[in-house]
N, C-alpha and C. Protein backbone atom coordinates (compact mmCIF):
# COMPACT_ATOMS: atom_id res chain seq x y z
N MET A 1 -11.50 -22.95 0.17
CA MET A 1 -11.41 -22.00 1.46
C MET A 1 -9.88 -21.87 1.82
N SER A 2 -9.29 -21.29 2.25
CA SER A 2 -7.69 -21.76 2.97
C SER A 2 -8.30 -21.62 4.46
N PRO A 3 -7.46 -22.42 5.03
CA PRO A 3 -7.14 -22.82 6.22
C PRO A 3 -7.90 -21.46 7.22
N ASN A 4 -6.98 -20.40 7.28
CA ASN A 4 -7.26 -19.03 7.79
C ASN A 4 -9.23 -19.21 7.97
N ASN A 5 -9.26 -19.15 6.79
CA ASN A 5 -10.92 -19.17 6.77
C ASN A 5 -11.46 -19.78 7.77
N VAL A 6 -11.59 -20.86 7.98
CA VAL A 6 -12.06 -21.85 8.46
C VAL A 6 -11.65 -22.60 9.93
N GLU A 7 -11.06 -21.25 10.03
CA GLU A 7 -10.74 -20.76 11.45
C GLU A 7 -11.73 -20.91 12.52
N ALA A 8 -12.09 -21.31 13.53
CA ALA A 8 -13.20 -20.65 14.86
C ALA A 8 -12.82 -19.14 14.88
N TRP A 9 -14.13 -18.65 14.93
CA TRP A 9 -13.89 -17.10 15.03
C TRP A 9 -13.08 -17.19 17.05
N SER A 10 -12.13 -16.18 17.44
CA SER A 10 -12.17 -16.09 18.92
C SER A 10 -12.64 -15.05 19.29
N GLU A 11 -13.23 -15.11 20.94
CA GLU A 11 -13.34 -13.98 21.48
C GLU A 11 -12.68 -12.75 21.31
N GLU A 12 -11.85 -12.74 20.90
CA GLU A 12 -11.05 -11.12 20.80
C GLU A 12 -11.64 -10.86 19.30
N GLU A 13 -11.34 -11.38 18.24
CA GLU A 13 -12.23 -11.37 17.13
C GLU A 13 -13.47 -10.79 17.19
N ASP A 14 -14.43 -11.29 17.92
CA ASP A 14 -16.01 -11.26 18.32
C ASP A 14 -15.69 -9.69 18.37
N ALA A 15 -15.12 -9.78 19.65
CA ALA A 15 -15.03 -8.18 20.49
C ALA A 15 -14.54 -7.53 19.38
N ILE A 16 -14.00 -7.01 18.56
CA ILE A 16 -13.56 -5.84 17.48
C ILE A 16 -14.33 -5.95 16.73
N MET A 17 -15.61 -7.04 16.32
CA MET A 17 -16.52 -7.14 15.22
C MET A 17 -17.81 -6.10 16.11
N ARG A 18 -17.88 -7.02 16.98
CA ARG A 18 -19.09 -5.72 18.31
C ARG A 18 -18.49 -4.21 18.25
N ALA A 19 -17.23 -3.83 18.33
CA ALA A 19 -16.87 -2.99 18.87
C ALA A 19 -16.54 -1.87 17.42
N HIS A 20 -16.81 -2.17 16.40
CA HIS A 20 -16.25 -1.34 14.98
C HIS A 20 -16.88 -2.02 14.53
N TYR A 21 -17.69 -2.87 14.08
CA TYR A 21 -18.12 -3.35 12.39
C TYR A 21 -19.51 -2.45 11.64
N THR A 22 -20.06 -1.74 12.60
CA THR A 22 -20.76 -0.81 12.44
C THR A 22 -20.44 0.43 11.12
N ALA A 23 -19.79 0.80 12.01
CA ALA A 23 -19.20 2.07 11.63
C ALA A 23 -17.42 2.37 11.05
N MET A 24 -16.54 1.29 11.41
CA MET A 24 -15.32 1.72 10.72
C MET A 24 -15.17 1.41 9.65
N PRO A 25 -14.08 2.03 8.36
CA PRO A 25 -14.12 2.28 6.77
C PRO A 25 -13.55 0.42 7.06
N GLN A 26 -14.25 -0.05 5.74
CA GLN A 26 -13.41 -1.81 5.18
C GLN A 26 -12.16 -2.03 6.12
N ALA A 27 -11.37 -0.97 5.34
CA ALA A 27 -9.73 -1.51 5.34
C ALA A 27 -9.20 -1.28 6.79
N GLU A 28 -9.89 -0.34 7.45
CA GLU A 28 -10.01 -0.52 8.80
C GLU A 28 -9.94 -1.85 9.49
N LEU A 29 -11.42 -1.99 9.21
CA LEU A 29 -11.48 -3.26 9.72
C LEU A 29 -10.76 -4.40 9.22
N MET A 30 -10.81 -5.00 7.59
CA MET A 30 -9.76 -5.80 7.95
C MET A 30 -8.32 -5.72 8.27
N LYS A 31 -8.13 -4.23 8.12
CA LYS A 31 -6.90 -4.34 9.15
C LYS A 31 -6.74 -4.84 10.54
N ALA A 32 -7.88 -4.67 11.34
CA ALA A 32 -7.75 -5.29 12.77
C ALA A 32 -8.35 -7.04 12.58
N LEU A 33 -8.45 -7.18 12.25
CA LEU A 33 -8.67 -8.86 11.26
C LEU A 33 -7.94 -9.33 9.58
N PRO A 34 -6.67 -9.04 10.15
CA PRO A 34 -6.00 -9.01 8.73
C PRO A 34 -6.16 -10.95 8.42
N HIS A 35 -6.50 -12.17 8.71
CA HIS A 35 -6.15 -13.67 8.79
C HIS A 35 -7.61 -13.47 7.88
N ARG A 36 -8.81 -12.52 7.98
CA ARG A 36 -10.05 -12.84 7.72
C ARG A 36 -10.28 -12.28 6.27
N ALA A 37 -11.28 -13.37 5.25
CA ALA A 37 -11.65 -12.11 4.09
C ALA A 37 -12.80 -11.32 4.53
N TRP A 38 -12.96 -10.54 3.41
CA TRP A 38 -14.14 -9.79 3.81
C TRP A 38 -15.42 -10.39 3.50
N TYR A 39 -15.50 -11.10 2.79
CA TYR A 39 -17.09 -11.55 3.11
C TYR A 39 -16.82 -13.08 3.98
N ARG A 40 -15.58 -13.14 4.61
CA ARG A 40 -15.79 -13.72 6.37
C ARG A 40 -16.29 -12.64 7.41
N ILE A 41 -16.01 -11.42 7.15
CA ILE A 41 -16.03 -10.82 8.03
C ILE A 41 -17.48 -10.72 8.33
N CYS A 42 -18.14 -10.49 6.94
CA CYS A 42 -19.98 -10.19 6.61
C CYS A 42 -20.08 -11.34 7.16
N ASP A 43 -20.22 -12.32 6.81
CA ASP A 43 -20.51 -13.98 7.59
C ASP A 43 -20.79 -13.65 8.76
N ARG A 44 -19.59 -13.15 9.78
CA ARG A 44 -19.46 -13.45 11.09
C ARG A 44 -20.40 -11.94 11.48
N ALA A 45 -20.72 -10.90 10.96
CA ALA A 45 -21.54 -10.04 11.17
C ALA A 45 -22.75 -10.43 11.69
N GLN A 46 -23.50 -11.48 10.22
CA GLN A 46 -24.89 -11.41 10.48
C GLN A 46 -25.22 -12.76 11.60
N VAL A 47 -23.90 -13.37 11.80
CA VAL A 47 -23.99 -14.43 12.79
C VAL A 47 -24.40 -13.35 14.40
N LEU A 48 -23.13 -12.91 13.97
CA LEU A 48 -23.50 -11.73 15.30
C LEU A 48 -24.37 -10.95 15.80
N GLY A 49 -25.38 -10.61 14.56
CA GLY A 49 -26.25 -9.74 14.53
C GLY A 49 -26.20 -8.48 13.92
N LEU A 50 -25.17 -8.42 13.55
CA LEU A 50 -24.26 -6.81 13.09
C LEU A 50 -25.31 -6.61 12.15
N ARG A 51 -24.84 -4.89 12.00
CA ARG A 51 -25.26 -4.15 10.73
C ARG A 51 -24.65 -2.65 10.47
N ARG A 52 -23.91 -2.69 9.27
CA ARG A 52 -23.09 -1.63 8.80
C ARG A 52 -24.35 -0.83 8.91
N ALA A 53 -23.54 0.70 9.69
CA ALA A 53 -24.60 1.80 9.20
C ALA A 53 -23.59 2.90 8.55
N VAL A 54 -23.86 2.37 7.32
CA VAL A 54 -22.59 3.14 6.37
C VAL A 54 -23.18 4.26 5.47
N PRO A 55 -23.42 5.01 5.12
CA PRO A 55 -24.18 6.67 5.01
C PRO A 55 -24.14 6.36 3.59
N PHE A 56 -25.67 6.34 2.50
CA PHE A 56 -25.56 5.98 0.94
C PHE A 56 -24.73 7.07 0.26
N ARG A 57 -24.28 6.85 -0.50
CA ARG A 57 -23.28 7.02 -1.31
C ARG A 57 -23.35 7.29 -3.04
N GLY A 58 -24.89 7.32 -2.95
CA GLY A 58 -25.24 6.66 -4.93
C GLY A 58 -24.18 5.43 -4.93
N ARG A 59 -23.85 5.54 -6.67
CA ARG A 59 -23.62 4.78 -6.96
C ARG A 59 -21.95 4.25 -6.67
N ALA A 60 -21.32 5.35 -6.02
CA ALA A 60 -20.13 4.98 -5.83
C ALA A 60 -19.71 3.31 -4.93
N PRO A 61 -19.12 2.76 -4.91
CA PRO A 61 -18.81 1.48 -4.21
C PRO A 61 -18.25 1.88 -2.64
N ILE A 62 -19.31 1.61 -1.90
CA ILE A 62 -18.76 1.74 0.10
C ILE A 62 -17.60 1.34 0.31
N ASN A 63 -17.64 -0.42 -0.23
CA ASN A 63 -16.21 -0.57 0.06
C ASN A 63 -15.17 -0.85 -0.75
N THR A 64 -14.10 -0.51 -0.83
CA THR A 64 -12.68 -0.51 -2.06
C THR A 64 -12.47 -1.80 -1.83
N TYR A 65 -12.32 -2.81 -1.33
CA TYR A 65 -11.56 -3.81 -1.69
C TYR A 65 -12.71 -5.30 -2.10
N HIS A 66 -12.99 -6.47 -3.06
CA HIS A 66 -13.56 -7.22 -3.24
C HIS A 66 -13.24 -8.43 -1.82
N ARG A 67 -14.28 -8.51 -2.09
CA ARG A 67 -14.98 -9.77 -1.26
C ARG A 67 -14.30 -10.69 -0.75
N THR A 68 -12.67 -11.20 -1.20
CA THR A 68 -11.95 -12.27 -1.09
C THR A 68 -10.68 -11.98 -0.84
N MET A 69 -10.62 -10.30 -0.63
CA MET A 69 -9.20 -9.67 -0.22
C MET A 69 -9.04 -9.84 1.00
N ARG A 70 -7.89 -10.18 1.66
CA ARG A 70 -7.69 -10.06 3.51
C ARG A 70 -6.48 -9.11 3.38
N TYR A 71 -6.39 -8.36 4.74
CA TYR A 71 -5.55 -7.68 4.68
C TYR A 71 -3.96 -8.10 4.60
N ASP A 72 -3.42 -9.51 5.10
CA ASP A 72 -2.44 -9.67 5.41
C ASP A 72 -2.08 -10.18 4.05
N ASP A 73 -3.04 -10.78 2.97
CA ASP A 73 -2.73 -10.80 1.69
C ASP A 73 -2.15 -8.99 0.93
N LEU A 74 -2.81 -7.98 1.16
CA LEU A 74 -2.63 -6.28 0.90
C LEU A 74 -0.82 -6.02 1.34
N GLU A 75 -1.11 -6.84 2.80
CA GLU A 75 0.32 -6.35 3.42
C GLU A 75 1.60 -6.67 2.71
N ALA A 76 1.63 -8.02 2.29
CA ALA A 76 2.14 -9.07 1.74
C ALA A 76 2.70 -8.13 0.22
N ILE A 77 1.70 -7.90 -0.59
CA ILE A 77 2.45 -7.07 -1.66
C ILE A 77 2.65 -5.65 -1.56
N MET A 78 2.02 -4.82 -0.08
CA MET A 78 2.58 -3.46 -0.14
C MET A 78 4.66 -3.61 0.12
N GLY A 79 4.64 -4.87 0.54
CA GLY A 79 5.90 -5.19 1.01
C GLY A 79 7.02 -5.22 -0.23
N LEU A 80 6.37 -5.51 -1.43
CA LEU A 80 7.34 -5.36 -2.28
C LEU A 80 7.60 -4.18 -3.12
N VAL A 81 6.88 -3.33 -2.60
CA VAL A 81 7.32 -1.88 -2.87
C VAL A 81 7.47 -1.13 -2.08
N GLN A 82 8.08 0.83 -2.92
CA GLN A 82 8.82 1.39 -1.74
C GLN A 82 7.56 2.37 -1.13
N THR A 83 7.31 3.15 -2.55
CA THR A 83 6.74 4.48 -1.96
C THR A 83 4.95 3.99 -2.23
N ASP A 84 4.65 5.31 -1.27
CA ASP A 84 3.15 5.03 -1.11
C ASP A 84 1.76 5.22 -2.70
N GLU A 85 2.49 5.79 -3.51
CA GLU A 85 1.61 6.16 -4.36
C GLU A 85 2.12 4.35 -5.53
N GLU A 86 3.05 3.26 -5.37
CA GLU A 86 3.42 2.20 -5.76
C GLU A 86 2.32 1.35 -4.56
N LYS A 87 2.27 1.54 -3.61
CA LYS A 87 1.56 0.67 -2.35
C LYS A 87 0.57 0.89 -2.97
N GLU A 88 -0.62 1.82 -3.20
CA GLU A 88 -1.45 2.10 -3.93
C GLU A 88 -1.75 1.45 -4.89
N ARG A 89 -0.92 1.02 -6.11
CA ARG A 89 -1.04 0.65 -7.43
C ARG A 89 -1.25 -0.73 -7.32
N VAL A 90 -0.28 -1.37 -6.27
CA VAL A 90 -0.25 -2.53 -6.04
C VAL A 90 -1.79 -3.10 -5.72
N CYS A 91 -1.86 -2.49 -4.66
CA CYS A 91 -3.06 -2.73 -3.78
C CYS A 91 -4.52 -3.03 -4.99
N HIS A 92 -4.09 -2.08 -5.71
CA HIS A 92 -5.37 -1.73 -7.13
C HIS A 92 -5.56 -2.87 -7.88
N LEU A 93 -4.16 -3.08 -8.24
CA LEU A 93 -4.27 -4.33 -9.24
C LEU A 93 -4.54 -5.61 -8.88
N VAL A 94 -4.14 -6.21 -7.78
CA VAL A 94 -4.30 -7.32 -6.68
C VAL A 94 -6.16 -7.09 -6.29
N ASN A 95 -6.70 -6.35 -5.97
CA ASN A 95 -8.04 -5.94 -6.16
C ASN A 95 -8.64 -6.41 -6.98
N THR A 96 -8.54 -5.40 -8.43
CA THR A 96 -8.53 -6.60 -9.59
C THR A 96 -8.53 -7.51 -9.94
N LEU A 97 -7.34 -8.10 -9.93
CA LEU A 97 -7.15 -9.35 -10.57
C LEU A 97 -8.33 -10.05 -9.46
N ALA A 98 -8.26 -10.35 -8.01
CA ALA A 98 -9.51 -11.01 -7.24
C ALA A 98 -10.60 -10.78 -8.37
N GLN A 99 -11.40 -9.58 -8.60
CA GLN A 99 -12.34 -8.94 -9.05
C GLN A 99 -12.24 -10.17 -10.55
N GLU A 100 -11.70 -10.15 -11.52
CA GLU A 100 -11.81 -10.92 -12.48
C GLU A 100 -11.49 -12.49 -12.44
N THR A 101 -10.59 -12.55 -11.19
CA THR A 101 -10.99 -13.99 -10.96
C THR A 101 -12.12 -14.55 -10.87
N MET A 102 -12.88 -13.85 -9.63
CA MET A 102 -14.17 -14.24 -9.36
C MET A 102 -14.87 -14.56 -10.88
N ARG A 103 -14.71 -13.56 -11.74
CA ARG A 103 -16.11 -13.60 -12.76
C ARG A 103 -15.32 -14.76 -13.98
N GLY A 104 -14.50 -15.45 -13.17
CA GLY A 104 -13.94 -16.69 -14.30
C GLY A 104 -12.99 -15.71 -15.33
N ASN A 105 -12.51 -14.87 -15.37
CA ASN A 105 -11.45 -14.38 -16.29
C ASN A 105 -9.83 -14.31 -15.20
N LEU A 106 -9.09 -14.68 -16.14
CA LEU A 106 -7.98 -14.18 -15.50
C LEU A 106 -7.09 -13.19 -16.46
N SER A 107 -6.30 -13.06 -15.54
CA SER A 107 -5.28 -11.49 -15.82
C SER A 107 -3.97 -11.67 -15.11
N ILE A 108 -2.97 -11.40 -15.77
CA ILE A 108 -1.81 -11.41 -15.06
C ILE A 108 -1.02 -10.13 -15.76
N ARG A 109 -0.17 -10.00 -14.46
CA ARG A 109 0.13 -8.49 -14.33
C ARG A 109 1.71 -8.22 -14.00
N TRP A 110 2.28 -7.69 -14.53
CA TRP A 110 4.03 -7.66 -14.66
C TRP A 110 4.34 -6.90 -13.57
N LEU A 111 4.53 -6.80 -12.30
CA LEU A 111 4.61 -5.71 -11.35
C LEU A 111 5.83 -5.30 -11.14
N LEU A 112 7.23 -5.87 -11.65
CA LEU A 112 8.22 -5.66 -11.95
C LEU A 112 8.65 -4.38 -12.22
N PRO A 113 9.38 -3.64 -12.24
CA PRO A 113 9.94 -2.46 -13.39
C PRO A 113 10.65 -3.11 -14.65
N LEU A 114 10.27 -1.96 -15.53
CA LEU A 114 10.67 -2.76 -16.74
C LEU A 114 12.36 -2.99 -16.87
N ASP A 115 13.00 -2.18 -16.12
CA ASP A 115 14.50 -2.26 -16.79
C ASP A 115 14.78 -3.55 -15.59
N LEU A 116 14.57 -3.92 -14.88
CA LEU A 116 15.05 -5.41 -14.60
C LEU A 116 14.51 -6.74 -15.41
N ILE A 117 13.73 -6.48 -16.44
CA ILE A 117 13.43 -7.39 -17.65
C ILE A 117 14.76 -7.26 -18.56
N SER A 118 15.21 -8.95 -19.16
CA SER A 118 16.48 -8.53 -19.70
C SER A 118 16.62 -8.27 -21.11
N TYR A 119 15.37 -7.90 -21.71
CA TYR A 119 15.51 -7.68 -23.08
C TYR A 119 14.88 -6.43 -23.26
N ALA A 120 14.58 -5.73 -21.87
CA ALA A 120 13.97 -4.63 -22.52
C ALA A 120 14.63 -3.32 -21.89
N SER A 121 16.47 -3.26 -22.40
CA SER A 121 16.52 -1.97 -21.96
C SER A 121 16.44 -0.96 -23.03
N VAL A 122 15.56 -0.19 -22.75
CA VAL A 122 15.25 1.31 -23.76
C VAL A 122 15.93 2.45 -23.34
N ASP A 123 15.41 3.59 -24.04
CA ASP A 123 16.08 4.51 -23.94
C ASP A 123 16.32 5.41 -23.39
N ASN A 124 16.76 6.19 -22.42
CA ASN A 124 16.03 7.12 -21.85
C ASN A 124 15.70 8.43 -22.61
N ASP A 125 15.91 8.57 -23.70
CA ASP A 125 15.40 10.09 -23.95
C ASP A 125 13.78 10.16 -24.47
N ALA A 126 13.47 11.04 -24.60
CA ALA A 126 12.46 11.34 -25.17
C ALA A 126 11.38 10.36 -25.99
N SER A 127 12.57 10.81 -27.07
CA SER A 127 11.78 10.53 -28.73
C SER A 127 11.76 9.05 -28.92
N SER A 128 12.76 8.13 -27.57
CA SER A 128 12.19 6.78 -27.98
C SER A 128 11.25 5.95 -27.03
N VAL A 129 10.94 7.00 -25.79
CA VAL A 129 10.07 6.19 -25.00
C VAL A 129 9.01 5.46 -25.55
N SER A 130 8.27 5.77 -26.73
CA SER A 130 6.89 5.84 -27.29
C SER A 130 7.33 4.36 -27.89
N SER A 131 8.56 4.61 -28.99
CA SER A 131 8.63 3.26 -29.63
C SER A 131 9.00 2.27 -28.75
N ASN A 132 9.70 2.34 -28.33
CA ASN A 132 9.57 1.10 -27.08
C ASN A 132 8.83 0.60 -26.55
N ALA A 133 7.87 1.57 -26.12
CA ALA A 133 6.86 1.18 -25.46
C ALA A 133 5.99 0.22 -26.71
N LEU A 134 6.12 0.69 -27.75
CA LEU A 134 5.20 -0.23 -28.64
C LEU A 134 5.73 -1.48 -29.46
N LEU A 135 7.25 -1.56 -28.63
CA LEU A 135 8.00 -2.52 -29.13
C LEU A 135 7.64 -3.48 -28.45
N LEU A 136 7.85 -3.23 -26.67
CA LEU A 136 7.41 -3.92 -25.66
C LEU A 136 5.79 -4.56 -25.40
N ASN A 137 5.16 -3.85 -26.55
CA ASN A 137 3.10 -4.02 -26.27
C ASN A 137 2.53 -3.26 -24.86
N LEU A 138 3.53 -2.03 -24.34
CA LEU A 138 3.07 -1.73 -23.32
C LEU A 138 2.43 0.36 -23.62
N SER A 139 1.63 0.77 -22.16
CA SER A 139 1.29 1.76 -22.56
C SER A 139 2.44 2.86 -22.18
N ASP A 140 2.98 3.74 -22.73
CA ASP A 140 3.85 4.53 -22.29
C ASP A 140 3.34 6.15 -21.03
N LEU A 141 1.95 5.24 -20.99
CA LEU A 141 1.42 6.57 -20.19
C LEU A 141 1.83 6.40 -18.38
N THR A 142 1.63 7.20 -17.56
CA THR A 142 2.27 7.01 -15.92
C THR A 142 0.61 6.33 -15.73
N TYR A 143 1.48 5.32 -14.68
CA TYR A 143 -0.08 5.22 -13.84
C TYR A 143 -1.32 6.13 -13.32
N GLY A 144 -2.21 6.22 -13.67
CA GLY A 144 -3.33 7.08 -13.14
C GLY A 144 -3.56 7.98 -14.32
N SER A 145 -2.79 8.34 -15.12
CA SER A 145 -3.61 9.42 -16.82
C SER A 145 -4.06 9.13 -16.74
N ARG A 146 -4.78 9.92 -17.53
CA ARG A 146 -6.04 9.74 -18.63
C ARG A 146 -5.38 9.99 -19.96
N HIS A 147 -6.10 8.52 -21.00
CA HIS A 147 -5.75 8.70 -22.58
C HIS A 147 -6.17 10.38 -22.84
N GLN A 148 -5.95 10.62 -23.69
CA GLN A 148 -6.45 11.39 -23.96
C GLN A 148 -6.91 11.59 -25.93
N ALA A 149 -8.21 11.84 -26.50
CA ALA A 149 -9.01 11.81 -27.51
C ALA A 149 -7.84 12.30 -28.27
């Protein structure tokens, strides 16, 4: 446990919990309590006798972020990139890493652009992109695109 997670809850935090825990989406509640991991928020809700009134969504996950994620962690990683698409991507990657680490796996992701890697001077013409990606053992598909069969 990190020190931020073992601090006593303040009256202000409890007021936020009472006012918003039942219906506020996970990311917004995490933003309102940025130094608390999601599982600590849920633990505090139990102490306060609060239950979420989240509608049934079938098999779709109700909570986007892993239980160990804190909003200040997400803010820190989003500060490293510029666009909304990049922010969404790094948040997804960090969340995936949190899930994998909890299962005993360890993954590594390179978050810097390839042009910053000294040995990765790649040609910009379309014919060399795939061969350069193979040399670097990388996918030349853009983030979010689907593989074609």
